[in-house]
Amino acid sequence: MKNPAEVNAIIAELERLYPDVICSLEYKKDYELLFAVRLSAQCTDARVNLVTPALFARFPTLESFARASEEEVGEYVHSCGFWRAKARDLVACAKMLLSDYSGKVPGTMDDLLRLPGVGRKTANLILGDIFGQEGYVCDTHCIRITGRLGLTDGSKDPLQVEKQLRLCLPPEKSSDFCHRMVLHGRAVCTARSPHCESCTLRSLCSAGSTKH
């Protein structure tokens, strides 16, 4: 595991490499990000961004989502995979946001986890991106790269990775850090053939530093 100086050095280098951090999912309203994240499960962000414009044009309000049939929503999100479950969750989530939260996306972990289809990864992303709170989004990129770096013990369990990152990352840096994990995972620290030879984090990386 890394000491605080090493953690800060990793964070600083990621900030230098990826100064502009934004969520790759496109949205205009808070609940649209919530719905887009649900659609992104087992699906690429690029595919979701192709689907959501027509979806949000057809259902422009939470009220229209709440009145929608799961079948029609499913027609719009079919290409995202697992469309029946996703359509069901979007409609149910809209109804709960209206009935329990006055049509607003809630800003606590406990409340977010009550919403249909929302797990800790989604809740952490919403807390970070919408509310500016700490957010530990432990997706496949984050789990893979933090394990390689030695920030975590290599666990593949998202909850265990989240718990370990909470112990080493400054809370105010956590959300942007996780977004940078996605960017670094796509560009350099890929799943099958990481480009360790060109990675500027190599000297700080438990896995990369052992490669010659």
C-alpha atoms as a PDB file:
ATOM      1  CA  MET A   1       0.000   0.000   0.000  1.00  0.00           C
ATOM      2  CA  LYS A   2       1.163   3.544  -0.679  1.00  0.00           C
ATOM      3  CA  ASN A   3       2.204   6.149   1.862  1.00  0.00           C
ATOM      4  CA  PRO A   4       0.578   9.617   1.824  1.00  0.00           C
ATOM      5  CA  ALA A   5       3.435  11.186  -0.158  1.00  0.00           C
ATOM      6  CA  GLU A   6       3.125   8.547  -2.862  1.00  0.00           C
ATOM      7  CA  VAL A   7      -0.645   8.931  -2.982  1.00  0.00           C
ATOM      8  CA  ASN A   8      -0.300  12.689  -3.393  1.00  0.00           C
ATOM      9  CA  ALA A   9       2.275  12.202  -6.150  1.00  0.00           C
ATOM     10  CA  ILE A  10      -0.072   9.878  -8.044  1.00  0.00           C
ATOM     11  CA  ILE A  11      -2.940  12.352  -7.705  1.00  0.00           C
ATOM     12  CA  ALA A  12      -0.742  15.243  -8.866  1.00  0.00           C
ATOM     13  CA  GLU A  13       0.477  13.374 -11.942  1.00  0.00           C
ATOM     14  CA  LEU A  14      -3.064  12.355 -12.899  1.00  0.00           C
ATOM     15  CA  GLU A  15      -4.135  15.992 -12.556  1.00  0.00           C
ATOM     16  CA  ARG A  16      -1.280  17.002 -14.872  1.00  0.00           C
ATOM     17  CA  LEU A  17      -2.144  14.312 -17.415  1.00  0.00           C
ATOM     18  CA  TYR A  18      -5.895  14.933 -17.376  1.00  0.00           C
ATOM     19  CA  PRO A  19      -6.556  18.530 -16.270  1.00  0.00           C
ATOM     20  CA  ASP A  20     -10.100  18.650 -17.615  1.00  0.00           C
ATOM     21  CA  VAL A  21     -12.289  16.150 -15.829  1.00  0.00           C
ATOM     22  CA  ILE A  22     -15.890  15.764 -16.868  1.00  0.00           C
ATOM     23  CA  CYS A  23     -18.243  12.828 -16.870  1.00  0.00           C
ATOM     24  CA  SER A  24     -18.353  11.262 -20.321  1.00  0.00           C
ATOM     25  CA  LEU A  25     -22.119  10.777 -20.063  1.00  0.00           C
ATOM     26  CA  GLU A  26     -24.078  13.674 -21.551  1.00  0.00           C
ATOM     27  CA  TYR A  27     -26.978  15.210 -19.618  1.00  0.00           C
ATOM     28  CA  LYS A  28     -28.739  18.498 -18.899  1.00  0.00           C
ATOM     29  CA  LYS A  29     -30.788  17.661 -15.802  1.00  0.00           C
ATOM     30  CA  ASP A  30     -29.711  15.918 -12.616  1.00  0.00           C
ATOM     31  CA  TYR A  31     -32.069  13.001 -13.074  1.00  0.00           C
ATOM     32  CA  GLU A  32     -30.872  12.560 -16.670  1.00  0.00           C
ATOM     33  CA  LEU A  33     -27.396  11.733 -15.338  1.00  0.00           C
ATOM     34  CA  LEU A  34     -28.958   9.301 -12.889  1.00  0.00           C
ATOM     35  CA  PHE A  35     -30.810   7.579 -15.723  1.00  0.00           C
ATOM     36  CA  ALA A  36     -27.797   7.627 -18.050  1.00  0.00           C
ATOM     37  CA  VAL A  37     -25.653   5.919 -15.445  1.00  0.00           C
ATOM     38  CA  ARG A  38     -28.283   3.183 -15.085  1.00  0.00           C
ATOM     39  CA  LEU A  39     -28.237   2.674 -18.850  1.00  0.00           C
ATOM     40  CA  SER A  40     -24.438   2.475 -18.870  1.00  0.00           C
ATOM     41  CA  ALA A  41     -24.347  -0.792 -16.922  1.00  0.00           C
ATOM     42  CA  GLN A  42     -22.761  -3.432 -19.189  1.00  0.00           C
ATOM     43  CA  CYS A  43     -22.808  -0.815 -21.948  1.00  0.00           C
ATOM     44  CA  THR A  44     -20.408   1.845 -23.214  1.00  0.00           C
ATOM     45  CA  ASP A  45     -20.894   5.518 -22.416  1.00  0.00           C
ATOM     46  CA  ALA A  46     -20.659   6.224 -26.141  1.00  0.00           C
ATOM     47  CA  ARG A  47     -23.657   3.991 -26.824  1.00  0.00           C
ATOM     48  CA  VAL A  48     -25.654   5.589 -24.016  1.00  0.00           C
ATOM     49  CA  ASN A  49     -24.919   9.051 -25.447  1.00  0.00           C
ATOM     50  CA  LEU A  50     -26.368   7.898 -28.762  1.00  0.00           C
ATOM     51  CA  VAL A  51     -29.549   6.691 -27.076  1.00  0.00           C
ATOM     52  CA  THR A  52     -30.378   9.389 -24.538  1.00  0.00           C
ATOM     53  CA  PRO A  53     -31.108  12.368 -26.831  1.00  0.00           C
ATOM     54  CA  ALA A  54     -34.143  10.660 -28.378  1.00  0.00           C
ATOM     55  CA  LEU A  55     -35.137   9.159 -25.013  1.00  0.00           C
ATOM     56  CA  PHE A  56     -35.095  12.507 -23.226  1.00  0.00           C
ATOM     57  CA  ALA A  57     -36.837  14.219 -26.129  1.00  0.00           C
ATOM     58  CA  ARG A  58     -39.672  11.683 -25.979  1.00  0.00           C
ATOM     59  CA  PHE A  59     -39.899  11.884 -22.186  1.00  0.00           C
ATOM     60  CA  PRO A  60     -38.795  15.444 -21.348  1.00  0.00           C
ATOM     61  CA  THR A  61     -39.894  15.449 -17.694  1.00  0.00           C
ATOM     62  CA  LEU A  62     -39.963  13.121 -14.724  1.00  0.00           C
ATOM     63  CA  GLU A  63     -43.746  13.181 -14.952  1.00  0.00           C
ATOM     64  CA  SER A  64     -43.647  11.889 -18.513  1.00  0.00           C
ATOM     65  CA  PHE A  65     -41.250   9.114 -17.485  1.00  0.00           C
ATOM     66  CA  ALA A  66     -43.522   8.180 -14.592  1.00  0.00           C
ATOM     67  CA  ARG A  67     -46.516   7.902 -16.949  1.00  0.00           C
ATOM     68  CA  ALA A  68     -44.585   5.958 -19.592  1.00  0.00           C
ATOM     69  CA  SER A  69     -45.007   2.284 -20.279  1.00  0.00           C
ATOM     70  CA  GLU A  70     -41.959   0.137 -19.689  1.00  0.00           C
ATOM     71  CA  GLU A  71     -42.429  -1.231 -23.192  1.00  0.00           C
ATOM     72  CA  GLU A  72     -42.102   2.158 -24.879  1.00  0.00           C
ATOM     73  CA  VAL A  73     -39.106   3.186 -22.781  1.00  0.00           C
ATOM     74  CA  GLY A  74     -37.611  -0.175 -23.671  1.00  0.00           C
ATOM     75  CA  GLU A  75     -37.883   0.619 -27.364  1.00  0.00           C
ATOM     76  CA  TYR A  76     -35.635   3.644 -26.867  1.00  0.00           C
ATOM     77  CA  VAL A  77     -33.024   1.899 -24.701  1.00  0.00           C
ATOM     78  CA  HIS A  78     -33.050  -1.486 -26.422  1.00  0.00           C
ATOM     79  CA  SER A  79     -29.530  -1.137 -27.837  1.00  0.00           C
ATOM     80  CA  CYS A  80     -28.067  -0.578 -24.355  1.00  0.00           C
ATOM     81  CA  GLY A  81     -28.639  -4.214 -23.424  1.00  0.00           C
ATOM     82  CA  PHE A  82     -30.655  -5.613 -20.508  1.00  0.00           C
ATOM     83  CA  TRP A  83     -33.281  -3.197 -21.704  1.00  0.00           C
ATOM     84  CA  ARG A  84     -36.256  -4.677 -19.874  1.00  0.00           C
ATOM     85  CA  ALA A  85     -34.664  -4.248 -16.454  1.00  0.00           C
ATOM     86  CA  LYS A  86     -33.325  -0.818 -17.349  1.00  0.00           C
ATOM     87  CA  ALA A  87     -36.677   0.422 -18.677  1.00  0.00           C
ATOM     88  CA  ARG A  88     -38.428  -0.895 -15.565  1.00  0.00           C
ATOM     89  CA  ASP A  89     -35.936   0.878 -13.301  1.00  0.00           C
ATOM     90  CA  LEU A  90     -36.200   4.213 -15.123  1.00  0.00           C
ATOM     91  CA  VAL A  91     -39.974   4.299 -14.844  1.00  0.00           C
ATOM     92  CA  ALA A  92     -39.953   3.166 -11.209  1.00  0.00           C
ATOM     93  CA  CYS A  93     -37.186   5.608 -10.340  1.00  0.00           C
ATOM     94  CA  ALA A  94     -39.115   8.522 -11.857  1.00  0.00           C
ATOM     95  CA  LYS A  95     -42.174   7.577  -9.812  1.00  0.00           C
ATOM     96  CA  MET A  96     -40.163   7.417  -6.578  1.00  0.00           C
ATOM     97  CA  LEU A  97     -38.387  10.710  -7.234  1.00  0.00           C
ATOM     98  CA  LEU A  98     -41.785  12.359  -7.638  1.00  0.00           C
ATOM     99  CA  SER A  99     -43.526  10.638  -4.739  1.00  0.00           C
ATOM    100  CA  ASP A 100     -40.715  10.621  -2.162  1.00  0.00           C
ATOM    101  CA  TYR A 101     -38.330  13.423  -3.125  1.00  0.00           C
ATOM    102  CA  SER A 102     -40.483  16.180  -4.663  1.00  0.00           C
ATOM    103  CA  GLY A 103     -39.005  15.484  -8.084  1.00  0.00           C
ATOM    104  CA  LYS A 104     -35.417  16.132  -6.947  1.00  0.00           C
ATOM    105  CA  VAL A 105     -32.468  13.769  -7.010  1.00  0.00           C
ATOM    106  CA  PRO A 106     -31.566  13.196  -3.325  1.00  0.00           C
ATOM    107  CA  GLY A 107     -28.124  14.119  -2.067  1.00  0.00           C
ATOM    108  CA  THR A 108     -27.318  11.376   0.435  1.00  0.00           C
ATOM    109  CA  MET A 109     -26.005   7.876  -0.055  1.00  0.00           C
ATOM    110  CA  ASP A 110     -28.860   6.290   1.902  1.00  0.00           C
ATOM    111  CA  ASP A 111     -31.562   8.053  -0.099  1.00  0.00           C
ATOM    112  CA  LEU A 112     -29.918   7.344  -3.436  1.00  0.00           C
ATOM    113  CA  LEU A 113     -29.621   3.644  -2.628  1.00  0.00           C
ATOM    114  CA  ARG A 114     -33.397   3.511  -2.114  1.00  0.00           C
ATOM    115  CA  LEU A 115     -33.965   4.336  -5.774  1.00  0.00           C
ATOM    116  CA  PRO A 116     -34.639   1.439  -8.168  1.00  0.00           C
ATOM    117  CA  GLY A 117     -31.532   0.382 -10.059  1.00  0.00           C
ATOM    118  CA  VAL A 118     -29.147   2.543  -8.032  1.00  0.00           C
ATOM    119  CA  GLY A 119     -26.129   0.899  -6.416  1.00  0.00           C
ATOM    120  CA  ARG A 120     -23.111   2.360  -4.673  1.00  0.00           C
ATOM    121  CA  LYS A 121     -21.215   3.112  -7.892  1.00  0.00           C
ATOM    122  CA  THR A 122     -24.093   5.177  -9.258  1.00  0.00           C
ATOM    123  CA  ALA A 123     -24.720   6.852  -5.916  1.00  0.00           C
ATOM    124  CA  ASN A 124     -21.059   7.822  -5.549  1.00  0.00           C
ATOM    125  CA  LEU A 125     -21.023   9.302  -9.041  1.00  0.00           C
ATOM    126  CA  ILE A 126     -24.142  11.365  -8.375  1.00  0.00           C
ATOM    127  CA  LEU A 127     -22.782  12.613  -5.045  1.00  0.00           C
ATOM    128  CA  GLY A 128     -19.555  13.692  -6.698  1.00  0.00           C
ATOM    129  CA  ASP A 129     -20.809  15.119  -9.986  1.00  0.00           C
ATOM    130  CA  ILE A 130     -24.123  16.648  -8.936  1.00  0.00           C
ATOM    131  CA  PHE A 131     -23.527  17.590  -5.322  1.00  0.00           C
ATOM    132  CA  GLY A 132     -19.768  18.150  -5.224  1.00  0.00           C
ATOM    133  CA  GLN A 133     -19.356  15.673  -2.378  1.00  0.00           C
ATOM    134  CA  GLU A 134     -16.823  12.891  -2.041  1.00  0.00           C
ATOM    135  CA  GLY A 135     -17.489  10.162  -4.567  1.00  0.00           C
ATOM    136  CA  TYR A 136     -15.646   6.872  -4.905  1.00  0.00           C
ATOM    137  CA  VAL A 137     -16.810   5.463  -8.235  1.00  0.00           C
ATOM    138  CA  CYS A 138     -15.336   1.979  -8.258  1.00  0.00           C
ATOM    139  CA  ASP A 139     -15.896   0.866 -11.832  1.00  0.00           C
ATOM    140  CA  THR A 140     -13.736  -1.629 -13.707  1.00  0.00           C
ATOM    141  CA  HIS A 141     -11.080   0.971 -14.574  1.00  0.00           C
ATOM    142  CA  CYS A 142     -10.790   2.194 -10.996  1.00  0.00           C
ATOM    143  CA  ILE A 143     -10.664  -1.307  -9.544  1.00  0.00           C
ATOM    144  CA  ARG A 144      -8.029  -2.457 -12.062  1.00  0.00           C
ATOM    145  CA  ILE A 145      -5.728   0.554 -11.909  1.00  0.00           C
ATOM    146  CA  THR A 146      -5.806   1.209  -8.167  1.00  0.00           C
ATOM    147  CA  GLY A 147      -4.890  -2.444  -7.665  1.00  0.00           C
ATOM    148  CA  ARG A 148      -1.974  -2.167 -10.086  1.00  0.00           C
ATOM    149  CA  LEU A 149      -0.785   1.082  -8.543  1.00  0.00           C
ATOM    150  CA  GLY A 150      -0.869  -0.419  -5.065  1.00  0.00           C
ATOM    151  CA  LEU A 151      -3.468   1.959  -3.694  1.00  0.00           C
ATOM    152  CA  THR A 152      -5.582  -1.101  -2.915  1.00  0.00           C
ATOM    153  CA  ASP A 153      -4.697  -4.714  -2.240  1.00  0.00           C
ATOM    154  CA  GLY A 154      -5.906  -5.909  -5.630  1.00  0.00           C
ATOM    155  CA  SER A 155      -9.395  -6.839  -4.509  1.00  0.00           C
ATOM    156  CA  LYS A 156     -11.947  -7.050  -7.315  1.00  0.00           C
ATOM    157  CA  ASP A 157     -14.852  -6.382  -4.949  1.00  0.00           C
ATOM    158  CA  PRO A 158     -16.121  -2.825  -5.510  1.00  0.00           C
ATOM    159  CA  LEU A 159     -17.115  -2.303  -1.874  1.00  0.00           C
ATOM    160  CA  GLN A 160     -13.722  -3.436  -0.599  1.00  0.00           C
ATOM    161  CA  VAL A 161     -11.964  -1.169  -3.102  1.00  0.00           C
ATOM    162  CA  GLU A 162     -14.171   1.743  -2.046  1.00  0.00           C
ATOM    163  CA  LYS A 163     -13.360   1.136   1.625  1.00  0.00           C
ATOM    164  CA  GLN A 164      -9.626   1.063   0.889  1.00  0.00           C
ATOM    165  CA  LEU A 165      -9.741   4.211  -1.255  1.00  0.00           C
ATOM    166  CA  ARG A 166     -11.609   6.035   1.506  1.00  0.00           C
ATOM    167  CA  LEU A 167      -8.605   5.365   3.745  1.00  0.00           C
ATOM    168  CA  CYS A 168      -6.004   6.810   1.365  1.00  0.00           C
ATOM    169  CA  LEU A 169      -7.615   9.409  -0.917  1.00  0.00           C
ATOM    170  CA  PRO A 170      -8.405  12.937   0.265  1.00  0.00           C
ATOM    171  CA  PRO A 171     -12.227  13.124   0.153  1.00  0.00           C
ATOM    172  CA  GLU A 172     -12.244  16.331  -1.879  1.00  0.00           C
ATOM    173  CA  LYS A 173     -10.082  14.655  -4.551  1.00  0.00           C
ATOM    174  CA  SER A 174     -11.997  11.381  -4.735  1.00  0.00           C
ATOM    175  CA  SER A 175     -14.574  12.136  -7.433  1.00  0.00           C
ATOM    176  CA  ASP A 176     -12.140  13.677  -9.918  1.00  0.00           C
ATOM    177  CA  PHE A 177      -9.604  10.938  -9.153  1.00  0.00           C
ATOM    178  CA  CYS A 178     -12.092   8.258 -10.178  1.00  0.00           C
ATOM    179  CA  HIS A 179     -12.931  10.096 -13.408  1.00  0.00           C
ATOM    180  CA  ARG A 180      -9.210  10.261 -14.157  1.00  0.00           C
ATOM    181  CA  MET A 181      -8.977   6.510 -13.585  1.00  0.00           C
ATOM    182  CA  VAL A 182     -11.404   6.052 -16.474  1.00  0.00           C
ATOM    183  CA  LEU A 183      -9.380   8.340 -18.748  1.00  0.00           C
ATOM    184  CA  HIS A 184      -6.097   6.658 -17.803  1.00  0.00           C
ATOM    185  CA  GLY A 185      -7.646   3.225 -18.198  1.00  0.00           C
ATOM    186  CA  ARG A 186      -8.777   4.006 -21.715  1.00  0.00           C
ATOM    187  CA  ALA A 187      -5.582   5.720 -22.827  1.00  0.00           C
ATOM    188  CA  VAL A 188      -2.725   3.952 -21.042  1.00  0.00           C
ATOM    189  CA  CYS A 189      -3.507   1.398 -18.335  1.00  0.00           C
ATOM    190  CA  THR A 190      -5.699  -0.802 -20.490  1.00  0.00           C
ATOM    191  CA  ALA A 191      -7.092  -4.090 -19.271  1.00  0.00           C
ATOM    192  CA  ARG A 192      -5.203  -6.585 -21.409  1.00  0.00           C
ATOM    193  CA  SER A 193      -2.031  -4.824 -22.541  1.00  0.00           C
ATOM    194  CA  PRO A 194      -1.191  -1.822 -20.360  1.00  0.00           C
ATOM    195  CA  HIS A 195       1.331   0.574 -21.910  1.00  0.00           C
ATOM    196  CA  CYS A 196       3.668   0.563 -18.921  1.00  0.00           C
ATOM    197  CA  GLU A 197       6.678   1.659 -20.984  1.00  0.00           C
ATOM    198  CA  SER A 198       5.055   5.000 -21.750  1.00  0.00           C
ATOM    199  CA  CYS A 199       3.215   5.512 -18.447  1.00  0.00           C
ATOM    200  CA  THR A 200       4.435   8.459 -16.384  1.00  0.00           C
ATOM    201  CA  LEU A 201       3.057   6.778 -13.262  1.00  0.00           C
ATOM    202  CA  ARG A 202       5.377   3.810 -13.720  1.00  0.00           C
ATOM    203  CA  SER A 203       7.827   4.769 -10.967  1.00  0.00           C
ATOM    204  CA  LEU A 204       4.927   5.069  -8.527  1.00  0.00           C
ATOM    205  CA  CYS A 205       3.163   1.895  -9.669  1.00  0.00           C
ATOM    206  CA  SER A 206       3.556  -1.394  -7.816  1.00  0.00           C
ATOM    207  CA  ALA A 207       2.913  -3.399 -11.000  1.00  0.00           C
ATOM    208  CA  GLY A 208       4.587  -1.186 -13.595  1.00  0.00           C
ATOM    209  CA  SER A 209       7.792  -0.631 -11.659  1.00  0.00           C
ATOM    210  CA  THR A 210       8.521  -4.362 -11.694  1.00  0.00           C
ATOM    211  CA  LYS A 211       8.468  -4.521 -15.501  1.00  0.00           C
ATOM    212  CA  HIS A 212      11.663  -4.016 -17.462  1.00  0.00           C
END
